[in-house]
Amino acid sequence: MPSLLIYLHGFNSSPLSLKAQQMIAYCREYRPDIKVIAPQLPSYPAKASQYLAQLIEQYNDHYTIGVVGSSLGGYLSAWLSERYQLSAVLVNPAVKPYQLLVDYLGPQQNPYSGENYVLETQHIDELKALEVIDITQPQRLWVLLQQGDEVLDYRQAALKYAHCKLTIEANGDHSFCHFERFPATIIQFLGL
């Protein structure tokens, strides 16, 4: 079966983020056989999860699918992995975004897309509904963490994903410095 890589960006980000572009560029140069989809996700969690479910169901029977997600995209990737038995790589993933995003309630603007929207309490509830409480197949997940992440406490992810493949680097930041070292091994892990 042909391979499909889906890259999921984080909160108020886009497919134009550096990691997304590095994955796309790597596949274009070294693995042009892999179809890459890096969608601009809907800003609201329920809409994003519906979109992603439709995307997976569209390709699931015809492609080997692997998912890479950063930050909030990592949270969504864990949900997709559990729901559809997919391998996924989570990069500095959000563990409890429904707690963090309470501080962002109100008007928002995505700096990449320019989209204006309003984050409301119902959207926090939508996020909580996507939480994976029990990881039933930890071997499907590889979690990349940098201790210098200034947005998320890497220890939360290290604890939640303790039974998964874990790579924890000193220093770094939320963007995951020098991510360009990883696309080849990510593709290998995903089996694409």
N, C-alpha and C. Protein backbone atom coordinates (compact mmCIF):
# COMPACT_ATOMS: atom_id res chain seq x y z
N MET A 1 0.84 -1.20 0.00
CA MET A 1 0.00 0.00 0.00
C MET A 1 0.88 1.25 0.00
N PRO A 2 0.42 2.30 -0.68
CA PRO A 2 1.17 3.55 -0.62
C PRO A 2 1.12 4.15 0.79
N SER A 3 2.03 5.09 1.05
CA SER A 3 2.15 5.69 2.37
C SER A 3 1.61 7.11 2.40
N LEU A 4 0.99 7.45 3.53
CA LEU A 4 0.46 8.80 3.76
C LEU A 4 0.99 9.30 5.10
N LEU A 5 1.60 10.47 5.08
CA LEU A 5 2.06 11.13 6.30
C LEU A 5 1.17 12.34 6.54
N ILE A 6 0.59 12.41 7.73
CA ILE A 6 -0.24 13.56 8.10
C ILE A 6 0.50 14.34 9.19
N TYR A 7 0.72 15.62 8.95
CA TYR A 7 1.39 16.47 9.94
C TYR A 7 0.37 17.43 10.55
N LEU A 8 0.28 17.43 11.89
CA LEU A 8 -0.69 18.28 12.59
C LEU A 8 0.03 19.37 13.38
N HIS A 9 -0.26 20.60 13.05
CA HIS A 9 0.37 21.74 13.72
C HIS A 9 -0.29 22.00 15.08
N GLY A 10 0.29 22.93 15.83
CA GLY A 10 -0.19 23.25 17.17
C GLY A 10 -1.18 24.40 17.20
N PHE A 11 -1.47 24.85 18.41
CA PHE A 11 -2.43 25.93 18.65
C PHE A 11 -1.96 27.22 17.99
N ASN A 12 -2.86 27.87 17.26
CA ASN A 12 -2.56 29.13 16.55
C ASN A 12 -1.32 29.01 15.66
N SER A 13 -1.16 27.84 15.07
CA SER A 13 -0.05 27.63 14.14
C SER A 13 -0.61 27.27 12.77
N SER A 14 0.23 26.66 11.94
CA SER A 14 -0.23 26.34 10.58
C SER A 14 0.75 25.39 9.91
N PRO A 15 0.39 24.90 8.71
CA PRO A 15 1.32 24.06 7.94
C PRO A 15 2.58 24.81 7.52
N LEU A 16 2.60 26.12 7.73
CA LEU A 16 3.79 26.91 7.40
C LEU A 16 4.83 26.88 8.52
N SER A 17 4.50 26.22 9.63
CA SER A 17 5.46 26.14 10.74
C SER A 17 6.73 25.43 10.26
N LEU A 18 7.83 25.72 10.94
CA LEU A 18 9.13 25.19 10.50
C LEU A 18 9.14 23.66 10.47
N LYS A 19 8.64 23.01 11.51
CA LYS A 19 8.68 21.53 11.55
C LYS A 19 7.84 20.93 10.42
N ALA A 20 6.68 21.49 10.18
CA ALA A 20 5.84 21.01 9.07
C ALA A 20 6.60 21.13 7.76
N GLN A 21 7.22 22.28 7.54
CA GLN A 21 7.95 22.51 6.30
C GLN A 21 9.16 21.59 6.18
N GLN A 22 9.81 21.29 7.31
CA GLN A 22 10.96 20.38 7.28
C GLN A 22 10.53 18.96 6.92
N MET A 23 9.39 18.52 7.46
CA MET A 23 8.89 17.18 7.11
C MET A 23 8.51 17.12 5.63
N ILE A 24 7.82 18.14 5.17
CA ILE A 24 7.38 18.19 3.77
C ILE A 24 8.60 18.20 2.84
N ALA A 25 9.59 19.03 3.17
CA ALA A 25 10.79 19.14 2.32
C ALA A 25 11.57 17.82 2.30
N TYR A 26 11.67 17.17 3.46
CA TYR A 26 12.39 15.89 3.52
C TYR A 26 11.70 14.86 2.62
N CYS A 27 10.39 14.75 2.75
CA CYS A 27 9.67 13.77 1.93
C CYS A 27 9.77 14.10 0.44
N ARG A 28 9.68 15.38 0.11
CA ARG A 28 9.76 15.78 -1.29
C ARG A 28 11.12 15.36 -1.88
N GLU A 29 12.19 15.54 -1.09
CA GLU A 29 13.52 15.24 -1.62
C GLU A 29 13.88 13.77 -1.56
N TYR A 30 13.60 13.13 -0.41
CA TYR A 30 14.09 11.76 -0.20
C TYR A 30 13.03 10.67 -0.29
N ARG A 31 11.77 11.03 -0.08
CA ARG A 31 10.70 10.04 -0.12
C ARG A 31 9.49 10.57 -0.89
N PRO A 32 9.68 10.87 -2.17
CA PRO A 32 8.57 11.43 -2.95
C PRO A 32 7.41 10.44 -3.12
N ASP A 33 7.66 9.18 -2.75
CA ASP A 33 6.59 8.18 -2.81
C ASP A 33 5.56 8.38 -1.69
N ILE A 34 5.92 9.14 -0.66
CA ILE A 34 5.00 9.37 0.46
C ILE A 34 4.12 10.57 0.15
N LYS A 35 2.81 10.37 0.23
CA LYS A 35 1.86 11.48 0.11
C LYS A 35 1.87 12.20 1.46
N VAL A 36 2.05 13.52 1.45
CA VAL A 36 2.08 14.30 2.69
C VAL A 36 0.89 15.25 2.71
N ILE A 37 0.15 15.21 3.82
CA ILE A 37 -0.94 16.16 4.02
C ILE A 37 -0.65 16.91 5.32
N ALA A 38 -0.55 18.22 5.21
CA ALA A 38 -0.34 19.07 6.39
C ALA A 38 -1.47 20.11 6.37
N PRO A 39 -2.62 19.76 6.93
CA PRO A 39 -3.78 20.64 6.80
C PRO A 39 -3.72 21.84 7.74
N GLN A 40 -4.41 22.91 7.35
CA GLN A 40 -4.69 24.00 8.28
C GLN A 40 -5.89 23.53 9.09
N LEU A 41 -5.66 23.21 10.35
CA LEU A 41 -6.72 22.65 11.18
C LEU A 41 -7.73 23.71 11.59
N PRO A 42 -9.01 23.33 11.66
CA PRO A 42 -10.00 24.25 12.22
C PRO A 42 -9.58 24.66 13.64
N SER A 43 -9.89 25.88 14.01
CA SER A 43 -9.47 26.39 15.31
C SER A 43 -10.23 25.77 16.48
N TYR A 44 -11.41 25.25 16.22
CA TYR A 44 -12.22 24.68 17.29
C TYR A 44 -12.02 23.18 17.37
N PRO A 45 -11.81 22.62 18.57
CA PRO A 45 -11.46 21.20 18.72
C PRO A 45 -12.46 20.22 18.10
N ALA A 46 -13.75 20.43 18.29
CA ALA A 46 -14.73 19.48 17.74
C ALA A 46 -14.66 19.48 16.21
N LYS A 47 -14.52 20.67 15.63
CA LYS A 47 -14.41 20.75 14.16
C LYS A 47 -13.11 20.11 13.68
N ALA A 48 -12.03 20.34 14.43
CA ALA A 48 -10.74 19.74 14.05
C ALA A 48 -10.81 18.22 14.12
N SER A 49 -11.42 17.67 15.16
CA SER A 49 -11.51 16.21 15.30
C SER A 49 -12.41 15.61 14.22
N GLN A 50 -13.50 16.31 13.89
CA GLN A 50 -14.38 15.82 12.81
C GLN A 50 -13.64 15.81 11.48
N TYR A 51 -12.91 16.89 11.22
CA TYR A 51 -12.13 16.98 9.98
C TYR A 51 -11.11 15.84 9.91
N LEU A 52 -10.40 15.61 11.01
CA LEU A 52 -9.36 14.57 11.02
C LEU A 52 -9.95 13.18 10.88
N ALA A 53 -11.08 12.93 11.52
CA ALA A 53 -11.75 11.62 11.39
C ALA A 53 -12.13 11.37 9.94
N GLN A 54 -12.67 12.40 9.28
CA GLN A 54 -13.05 12.26 7.87
C GLN A 54 -11.82 12.01 7.00
N LEU A 55 -10.73 12.71 7.32
CA LEU A 55 -9.49 12.55 6.56
C LEU A 55 -8.96 11.11 6.68
N ILE A 56 -8.90 10.60 7.90
CA ILE A 56 -8.43 9.23 8.11
C ILE A 56 -9.34 8.23 7.40
N GLU A 57 -10.64 8.42 7.55
CA GLU A 57 -11.58 7.47 6.94
C GLU A 57 -11.51 7.51 5.41
N GLN A 58 -11.15 8.65 4.87
CA GLN A 58 -11.00 8.79 3.41
C GLN A 58 -9.82 7.95 2.90
N TYR A 59 -8.74 7.86 3.68
CA TYR A 59 -7.51 7.22 3.22
C TYR A 59 -7.22 5.86 3.85
N ASN A 60 -7.90 5.54 4.94
CA ASN A 60 -7.52 4.39 5.77
C ASN A 60 -7.46 3.06 5.02
N ASP A 61 -8.35 2.83 4.09
CA ASP A 61 -8.39 1.55 3.40
C ASP A 61 -7.37 1.43 2.27
N HIS A 62 -6.79 2.56 1.87
CA HIS A 62 -5.93 2.56 0.68
C HIS A 62 -4.48 2.95 0.96
N TYR A 63 -4.21 3.42 2.19
CA TYR A 63 -2.87 3.90 2.52
C TYR A 63 -2.41 3.38 3.87
N THR A 64 -1.10 3.23 4.01
CA THR A 64 -0.49 3.08 5.33
C THR A 64 -0.32 4.50 5.85
N ILE A 65 -0.95 4.82 6.99
CA ILE A 65 -0.97 6.19 7.50
C ILE A 65 -0.11 6.32 8.75
N GLY A 66 0.70 7.35 8.78
CA GLY A 66 1.46 7.73 9.97
C GLY A 66 1.18 9.20 10.27
N VAL A 67 1.21 9.55 11.55
CA VAL A 67 0.87 10.91 11.96
C VAL A 67 2.02 11.52 12.76
N VAL A 68 2.30 12.79 12.50
CA VAL A 68 3.25 13.56 13.30
C VAL A 68 2.49 14.78 13.79
N GLY A 69 2.57 15.05 15.09
CA GLY A 69 1.87 16.21 15.63
C GLY A 69 2.71 16.95 16.64
N SER A 70 2.65 18.27 16.59
CA SER A 70 3.41 19.12 17.50
C SER A 70 2.47 19.85 18.45
N SER A 71 2.80 19.86 19.73
CA SER A 71 2.07 20.61 20.75
C SER A 71 0.60 20.18 20.78
N LEU A 72 -0.34 21.06 20.47
CA LEU A 72 -1.75 20.66 20.44
C LEU A 72 -1.97 19.61 19.35
N GLY A 73 -1.19 19.70 18.27
CA GLY A 73 -1.25 18.67 17.23
C GLY A 73 -0.80 17.31 17.74
N GLY A 74 0.10 17.31 18.73
CA GLY A 74 0.51 16.06 19.37
C GLY A 74 -0.61 15.44 20.19
N TYR A 75 -1.36 16.29 20.85
CA TYR A 75 -2.54 15.84 21.62
C TYR A 75 -3.55 15.20 20.67
N LEU A 76 -3.81 15.86 19.55
CA LEU A 76 -4.74 15.32 18.54
C LEU A 76 -4.19 14.05 17.91
N SER A 77 -2.88 13.99 17.73
CA SER A 77 -2.26 12.79 17.15
C SER A 77 -2.42 11.59 18.07
N ALA A 78 -2.30 11.80 19.37
CA ALA A 78 -2.50 10.71 20.33
C ALA A 78 -3.93 10.19 20.24
N TRP A 79 -4.89 11.10 20.10
CA TRP A 79 -6.30 10.72 19.95
C TRP A 79 -6.51 9.92 18.66
N LEU A 80 -5.94 10.38 17.56
CA LEU A 80 -6.06 9.65 16.29
C LEU A 80 -5.42 8.28 16.37
N SER A 81 -4.24 8.21 16.99
CA SER A 81 -3.52 6.94 17.13
C SER A 81 -4.38 5.92 17.86
N GLU A 82 -4.99 6.35 18.95
CA GLU A 82 -5.81 5.46 19.76
C GLU A 82 -7.09 5.06 19.02
N ARG A 83 -7.72 6.02 18.38
CA ARG A 83 -9.00 5.76 17.71
C ARG A 83 -8.86 4.87 16.47
N TYR A 84 -7.77 5.07 15.73
CA TYR A 84 -7.62 4.36 14.45
C TYR A 84 -6.45 3.38 14.42
N GLN A 85 -5.82 3.13 15.56
CA GLN A 85 -4.66 2.23 15.64
C GLN A 85 -3.56 2.64 14.67
N LEU A 86 -3.20 3.92 14.71
CA LEU A 86 -2.15 4.46 13.84
C LEU A 86 -0.88 4.70 14.64
N SER A 87 0.26 4.59 13.98
CA SER A 87 1.51 5.01 14.61
C SER A 87 1.61 6.53 14.52
N ALA A 88 2.18 7.11 15.58
CA ALA A 88 2.27 8.58 15.62
C ALA A 88 3.52 9.00 16.36
N VAL A 89 4.06 10.15 15.94
CA VAL A 89 5.18 10.78 16.62
C VAL A 89 4.67 12.11 17.17
N LEU A 90 4.83 12.28 18.49
CA LEU A 90 4.35 13.48 19.17
C LEU A 90 5.56 14.34 19.54
N VAL A 91 5.55 15.58 19.09
CA VAL A 91 6.69 16.48 19.32
C VAL A 91 6.28 17.54 20.36
N ASN A 92 6.95 17.53 21.51
CA ASN A 92 6.57 18.42 22.62
C ASN A 92 5.05 18.51 22.74
N PRO A 93 4.38 17.35 22.93
CA PRO A 93 2.91 17.35 22.89
C PRO A 93 2.28 17.99 24.12
N ALA A 94 1.14 18.63 23.89
CA ALA A 94 0.31 19.10 24.99
C ALA A 94 -0.31 17.87 25.65
N VAL A 95 -0.34 17.86 26.98
CA VAL A 95 -0.91 16.73 27.72
C VAL A 95 -2.28 17.10 28.27
N LYS A 96 -2.42 18.31 28.79
CA LYS A 96 -3.70 18.78 29.31
C LYS A 96 -4.00 20.18 28.73
N PRO A 97 -4.20 20.26 27.43
CA PRO A 97 -4.39 21.58 26.81
C PRO A 97 -5.66 22.28 27.29
N TYR A 98 -6.61 21.49 27.75
CA TYR A 98 -7.85 22.08 28.26
C TYR A 98 -7.61 22.89 29.54
N GLN A 99 -6.51 22.62 30.24
CA GLN A 99 -6.13 23.45 31.40
C GLN A 99 -5.40 24.71 30.93
N LEU A 100 -4.46 24.52 30.01
CA LEU A 100 -3.65 25.65 29.53
C LEU A 100 -4.48 26.70 28.79
N LEU A 101 -5.41 26.24 27.96
CA LEU A 101 -6.10 27.17 27.07
C LEU A 101 -7.18 27.98 27.76
N VAL A 102 -7.47 27.67 29.02
CA VAL A 102 -8.39 28.50 29.79
C VAL A 102 -7.87 29.94 29.83
N ASP A 103 -6.55 30.09 29.87
CA ASP A 103 -5.93 31.41 29.90
C ASP A 103 -6.09 32.16 28.57
N TYR A 104 -6.54 31.45 27.54
CA TYR A 104 -6.67 32.07 26.22
C TYR A 104 -8.12 32.30 25.81
N LEU A 105 -9.05 32.10 26.74
CA LEU A 105 -10.46 32.32 26.42
C LEU A 105 -10.67 33.76 25.94
N GLY A 106 -11.52 33.90 24.91
CA GLY A 106 -11.77 35.22 24.34
C GLY A 106 -11.28 35.30 22.92
N PRO A 107 -11.17 36.51 22.39
CA PRO A 107 -10.78 36.70 20.98
C PRO A 107 -9.35 36.21 20.72
N GLN A 108 -9.18 35.54 19.60
CA GLN A 108 -7.87 35.02 19.17
C GLN A 108 -7.63 35.41 17.72
N GLN A 109 -6.35 35.49 17.37
CA GLN A 109 -6.00 35.62 15.96
C GLN A 109 -4.83 34.68 15.68
N ASN A 110 -5.00 33.83 14.67
CA ASN A 110 -3.92 32.95 14.26
C ASN A 110 -2.91 33.80 13.48
N PRO A 111 -1.66 33.91 13.99
CA PRO A 111 -0.68 34.77 13.32
C PRO A 111 -0.27 34.28 11.94
N TYR A 112 -0.47 33.02 11.67
CA TYR A 112 -0.11 32.47 10.35
C TYR A 112 -1.23 32.71 9.33
N SER A 113 -2.45 32.33 9.72
CA SER A 113 -3.57 32.38 8.76
C SER A 113 -4.30 33.71 8.80
N GLY A 114 -4.12 34.48 9.91
CA GLY A 114 -4.86 35.73 10.06
C GLY A 114 -6.29 35.53 10.52
N GLU A 115 -6.69 34.26 10.71
CA GLU A 115 -8.07 33.98 11.12
C GLU A 115 -8.35 34.56 12.51
N ASN A 116 -9.49 35.26 12.63
CA ASN A 116 -9.98 35.75 13.91
C ASN A 116 -11.09 34.82 14.39
N TYR A 117 -11.03 34.43 15.65
CA TYR A 117 -12.06 33.56 16.21
C TYR A 117 -12.13 33.79 17.71
N VAL A 118 -13.14 33.22 18.34
CA VAL A 118 -13.32 33.41 19.78
C VAL A 118 -13.27 32.05 20.45
N LEU A 119 -12.37 31.91 21.42
CA LEU A 119 -12.25 30.67 22.18
C LEU A 119 -13.18 30.77 23.39
N GLU A 120 -14.11 29.81 23.48
CA GLU A 120 -15.11 29.84 24.56
C GLU A 120 -15.02 28.57 25.40
N THR A 121 -15.72 28.59 26.53
CA THR A 121 -15.67 27.47 27.48
C THR A 121 -16.05 26.15 26.82
N GLN A 122 -17.00 26.17 25.90
CA GLN A 122 -17.42 24.93 25.24
C GLN A 122 -16.25 24.30 24.48
N HIS A 123 -15.34 25.13 23.99
CA HIS A 123 -14.19 24.59 23.24
C HIS A 123 -13.21 23.89 24.17
N ILE A 124 -13.13 24.35 25.40
CA ILE A 124 -12.30 23.67 26.41
C ILE A 124 -12.90 22.28 26.68
N ASP A 125 -14.23 22.22 26.78
CA ASP A 125 -14.91 20.93 26.97
C ASP A 125 -14.69 20.00 25.78
N GLU A 126 -14.70 20.58 24.58
CA GLU A 126 -14.45 19.77 23.37
C GLU A 126 -13.05 19.17 23.41
N LEU A 127 -12.07 19.95 23.88
CA LEU A 127 -10.71 19.45 24.00
C LEU A 127 -10.63 18.31 25.01
N LYS A 128 -11.29 18.48 26.14
CA LYS A 128 -11.25 17.47 27.19
C LYS A 128 -11.83 16.15 26.69
N ALA A 129 -12.85 16.25 25.83
CA ALA A 129 -13.50 15.05 25.27
C ALA A 129 -12.56 14.23 24.40
N LEU A 130 -11.48 14.84 23.92
CA LEU A 130 -10.52 14.15 23.04
C LEU A 130 -9.35 13.54 23.81
N GLU A 131 -9.35 13.68 25.13
CA GLU A 131 -8.23 13.17 25.92
C GLU A 131 -8.16 11.65 25.87
N VAL A 132 -6.97 11.13 25.66
CA VAL A 132 -6.73 9.69 25.72
C VAL A 132 -6.30 9.37 27.15
N ILE A 133 -7.18 8.72 27.90
CA ILE A 133 -6.86 8.40 29.30
C ILE A 133 -5.90 7.22 29.37
N ASP A 134 -6.24 6.15 28.65
CA ASP A 134 -5.42 4.93 28.66
C ASP A 134 -4.84 4.69 27.28
N ILE A 135 -3.53 4.64 27.21
CA ILE A 135 -2.85 4.34 25.94
C ILE A 135 -2.78 2.82 25.83
N THR A 136 -3.57 2.26 24.93
CA THR A 136 -3.67 0.80 24.87
C THR A 136 -2.53 0.16 24.08
N GLN A 137 -1.89 0.94 23.19
CA GLN A 137 -0.79 0.39 22.39
C GLN A 137 0.38 1.36 22.39
N PRO A 138 1.11 1.43 23.53
CA PRO A 138 2.19 2.41 23.65
C PRO A 138 3.28 2.26 22.60
N GLN A 139 3.41 1.05 22.03
CA GLN A 139 4.45 0.83 21.01
C GLN A 139 4.17 1.63 19.73
N ARG A 140 2.96 2.14 19.57
CA ARG A 140 2.61 2.93 18.39
C ARG A 140 3.07 4.39 18.49
N LEU A 141 3.51 4.80 19.69
CA LEU A 141 3.84 6.21 19.90
C LEU A 141 5.33 6.43 20.18
N TRP A 142 5.87 7.47 19.56
CA TRP A 142 7.21 7.94 19.87
C TRP A 142 7.06 9.41 20.24
N VAL A 143 7.55 9.76 21.42
CA VAL A 143 7.38 11.11 21.94
C VAL A 143 8.74 11.81 22.03
N LEU A 144 8.87 12.93 21.35
CA LEU A 144 10.09 13.74 21.33
C LEU A 144 9.89 14.95 22.24
N LEU A 145 10.76 15.08 23.23
CA LEU A 145 10.62 16.17 24.20
C LEU A 145 11.93 16.92 24.36
N GLN A 146 11.82 18.22 24.58
CA GLN A 146 12.99 19.02 24.95
C GLN A 146 12.70 19.68 26.30
N GLN A 147 13.64 19.51 27.22
CA GLN A 147 13.45 19.99 28.58
C GLN A 147 13.33 21.51 28.67
N GLY A 148 13.85 22.21 27.67
CA GLY A 148 13.79 23.67 27.69
C GLY A 148 12.48 24.24 27.16
N ASP A 149 11.49 23.38 26.90
CA ASP A 149 10.17 23.83 26.41
C ASP A 149 9.62 24.89 27.37
N GLU A 150 9.45 26.12 26.87
CA GLU A 150 9.01 27.23 27.70
C GLU A 150 7.49 27.35 27.79
N VAL A 151 6.77 26.55 27.00
CA VAL A 151 5.31 26.61 26.97
C VAL A 151 4.69 25.46 27.78
N LEU A 152 5.24 24.27 27.61
CA LEU A 152 4.70 23.08 28.26
C LEU A 152 5.76 22.45 29.16
N ASP A 153 5.32 21.89 30.28
CA ASP A 153 6.23 21.19 31.19
C ASP A 153 6.46 19.78 30.61
N TYR A 154 7.67 19.56 30.11
CA TYR A 154 7.97 18.28 29.44
C TYR A 154 7.74 17.08 30.36
N ARG A 155 7.81 17.31 31.69
CA ARG A 155 7.65 16.20 32.64
C ARG A 155 6.24 15.60 32.59
N GLN A 156 5.25 16.42 32.24
CA GLN A 156 3.88 15.89 32.10
C GLN A 156 3.83 14.84 30.99
N ALA A 157 4.44 15.17 29.87
CA ALA A 157 4.44 14.23 28.74
C ALA A 157 5.32 13.02 29.05
N ALA A 158 6.45 13.26 29.72
CA ALA A 158 7.35 12.14 30.06
C ALA A 158 6.62 11.14 30.96
N LEU A 159 5.79 11.64 31.86
CA LEU A 159 5.02 10.78 32.76
C LEU A 159 3.89 10.07 32.01
N LYS A 160 3.12 10.84 31.25
CA LYS A 160 1.97 10.24 30.54
C LYS A 160 2.41 9.18 29.54
N TYR A 161 3.53 9.44 28.87
CA TYR A 161 3.98 8.55 27.80
C TYR A 161 5.18 7.70 28.23
N ALA A 162 5.29 7.44 29.52
CA ALA A 162 6.45 6.72 30.07
C ALA A 162 6.63 5.34 29.44
N HIS A 163 5.55 4.69 28.99
CA HIS A 163 5.64 3.34 28.43
C HIS A 163 5.83 3.36 26.91
N CYS A 164 5.87 4.54 26.34
CA CYS A 164 6.08 4.68 24.90
C CYS A 164 7.57 4.90 24.63
N LYS A 165 7.93 4.91 23.36
CA LYS A 165 9.30 5.28 23.00
C LYS A 165 9.44 6.77 23.32
N LEU A 166 10.45 7.10 24.11
CA LEU A 166 10.66 8.49 24.55
C LEU A 166 12.05 8.96 24.17
N THR A 167 12.15 10.16 23.63
CA THR A 167 13.43 10.82 23.42
C THR A 167 13.35 12.14 24.15
N ILE A 168 14.16 12.31 25.19
CA ILE A 168 14.15 13.54 25.98
C ILE A 168 15.52 14.19 25.86
N GLU A 169 15.52 15.40 25.32
CA GLU A 169 16.77 16.14 25.13
C GLU A 169 16.86 17.29 26.13
N ALA A 170 18.09 17.57 26.58
CA ALA A 170 18.31 18.74 27.44
C ALA A 170 18.14 20.01 26.60
N ASN A 171 17.84 21.08 27.30
CA ASN A 171 17.73 22.41 26.67
C ASN A 171 16.60 22.44 25.63
N GLY A 172 16.83 23.08 24.49
CA GLY A 172 15.81 23.19 23.46
C GLY A 172 14.73 24.18 23.83
N ASP A 173 13.61 24.12 23.11
CA ASP A 173 12.48 24.99 23.40
C ASP A 173 11.21 24.36 22.83
N HIS A 174 10.09 25.10 22.91
CA HIS A 174 8.81 24.53 22.49
C HIS A 174 8.77 24.20 21.01
N SER A 175 9.55 24.93 20.22
CA SER A 175 9.55 24.66 18.77
C SER A 175 10.29 23.37 18.43
N PHE A 176 10.99 22.80 19.39
CA PHE A 176 11.85 21.63 19.24
C PHE A 176 13.01 21.95 18.31
N CYS A 177 14.07 22.51 18.91
CA CYS A 177 15.26 22.93 18.17
C CYS A 177 15.88 21.77 17.38
N HIS A 178 16.31 22.09 16.18
CA HIS A 178 17.04 21.15 15.31
C HIS A 178 16.20 19.91 14.98
N PHE A 179 14.92 20.13 14.76
CA PHE A 179 14.02 19.04 14.37
C PHE A 179 14.46 18.37 13.07
N GLU A 180 15.23 19.10 12.26
CA GLU A 180 15.65 18.56 10.96
C GLU A 180 16.48 17.29 11.09
N ARG A 181 16.91 16.95 12.30
CA ARG A 181 17.66 15.70 12.52
C ARG A 181 16.76 14.48 12.48
N PHE A 182 15.44 14.67 12.56
CA PHE A 182 14.55 13.55 12.83
C PHE A 182 13.67 13.00 11.69
N PRO A 183 13.41 13.72 10.61
CA PRO A 183 12.45 13.19 9.63
C PRO A 183 12.72 11.77 9.16
N ALA A 184 13.97 11.42 8.90
CA ALA A 184 14.26 10.06 8.39
C ALA A 184 13.87 9.00 9.42
N THR A 185 14.24 9.21 10.68
CA THR A 185 13.92 8.20 11.70
C THR A 185 12.44 8.21 12.05
N ILE A 186 11.79 9.38 11.91
CA ILE A 186 10.33 9.44 12.12
C ILE A 186 9.62 8.56 11.08
N ILE A 187 10.02 8.72 9.83
CA ILE A 187 9.39 7.94 8.75
C ILE A 187 9.63 6.44 8.96
N GLN A 188 10.82 6.12 9.41
CA GLN A 188 11.14 4.71 9.69
C GLN A 188 10.25 4.19 10.82
N PHE A 189 10.12 4.97 11.91
CA PHE A 189 9.29 4.54 13.03
C PHE A 189 7.84 4.36 12.60
N LEU A 190 7.35 5.25 11.77
CA LEU A 190 5.95 5.20 11.32
C LEU A 190 5.71 4.06 10.32
N GLY A 191 6.79 3.47 9.82
CA GLY A 191 6.65 2.36 8.88
C GLY A 191 6.18 2.80 7.50
N LEU A 192 6.57 4.00 7.12
CA LEU A 192 6.12 4.54 5.82
C LEU A 192 7.19 4.31 4.74
